[in-house]
Amino acid sequence: MVNERICAAVTDSGLKQKYIAANIGMSEPTFSAVLAGKRKIDVDEFFRLSQVLKMTPSELYHYPCKQEAM
């Protein structure tokens, strides 16, 4: 799922969720809901997230999640 890939990329980035949320124009609780799979992320938010994480949207979309590594 996309949220698992986002969660893995965020964890690996070492950036704080609060910092990322502020830089993509989202509240921290809303971003937490995205990471938990309780809220979908829209295309604009996904694009901004990829910029904050310094990767292309394609790299973020295809980021390996922890379950795939097992």
Protein backbone atom coordinates (compact mmCIF):
# COMPACT_ATOMS: atom_id res chain seq x y z
CA MET A 1 0.00 0.00 0.00
CA VAL A 2 1.08 3.55 -0.64
CA ASN A 3 0.87 4.57 3.02
CA GLU A 4 3.34 1.80 3.95
CA ARG A 5 5.79 3.07 1.33
CA ILE A 6 5.34 6.64 2.58
CA CYS A 7 5.87 5.50 6.17
CA ALA A 8 9.07 3.65 5.23
CA ALA A 9 10.42 6.64 3.29
CA VAL A 10 9.61 9.03 6.14
CA THR A 11 11.26 6.74 8.70
CA ASP A 12 14.36 6.31 6.54
CA SER A 13 14.62 10.06 5.90
CA GLY A 14 15.26 10.80 9.58
CA LEU A 15 13.01 13.88 9.36
CA LYS A 16 10.47 14.59 12.06
CA GLN A 17 6.81 14.06 11.16
CA LYS A 18 6.02 17.55 12.49
CA TYR A 19 8.59 19.09 10.10
CA ILE A 20 7.31 17.12 7.11
CA ALA A 21 3.66 17.90 7.87
CA ALA A 22 4.38 21.63 8.13
CA ASN A 23 6.28 21.60 4.85
CA ILE A 24 3.54 19.87 2.90
CA GLY A 25 0.80 22.09 4.31
CA MET A 26 -0.79 19.48 6.54
CA SER A 27 -1.38 19.32 10.27
CA GLU A 28 0.63 16.78 12.22
CA PRO A 29 -2.46 14.72 13.21
CA THR A 30 -3.61 14.63 9.58
CA PHE A 31 -0.16 13.50 8.42
CA SER A 32 -0.16 10.86 11.14
CA ALA A 33 -3.50 9.61 9.79
CA VAL A 34 -1.93 9.33 6.31
CA LEU A 35 0.94 7.27 7.71
CA ALA A 36 -1.50 5.03 9.58
CA GLY A 37 -3.59 4.47 6.44
CA LYS A 38 -6.61 6.21 7.95
CA ARG A 39 -6.55 9.05 5.41
CA LYS A 40 -5.69 9.03 1.74
CA ILE A 41 -3.09 11.46 0.45
CA ASP A 42 -4.05 13.48 -2.61
CA VAL A 43 -1.82 13.99 -5.63
CA ASP A 44 -0.70 17.50 -4.67
CA GLU A 45 0.20 16.40 -1.14
CA PHE A 46 2.06 13.37 -2.51
CA PHE A 47 4.05 15.58 -4.87
CA ARG A 48 4.95 18.02 -2.06
CA LEU A 49 5.91 15.09 0.18
CA SER A 50 8.26 13.73 -2.45
CA GLN A 51 9.92 17.15 -2.67
CA VAL A 52 10.40 17.35 1.10
CA LEU A 53 11.90 13.85 1.07
CA LYS A 54 14.16 14.90 -1.84
CA MET A 55 12.97 12.21 -4.23
CA THR A 56 10.84 12.05 -7.33
CA PRO A 57 7.19 11.10 -7.00
CA SER A 58 8.02 7.86 -8.81
CA GLU A 59 10.81 7.04 -6.33
CA LEU A 60 8.42 7.63 -3.44
CA TYR A 61 5.64 5.59 -5.05
CA HIS A 62 8.02 2.66 -5.59
CA TYR A 63 9.87 3.03 -2.29
CA PRO A 64 10.37 -0.43 -0.77
CA CYS A 65 8.24 -0.93 2.32
CA LYS A 66 9.44 -3.04 5.21
CA GLN A 67 7.07 -5.94 4.41
CA GLU A 68 8.62 -6.35 0.95
CA ALA A 69 12.08 -6.77 2.47
CA MET A 70 11.00 -9.87 4.42
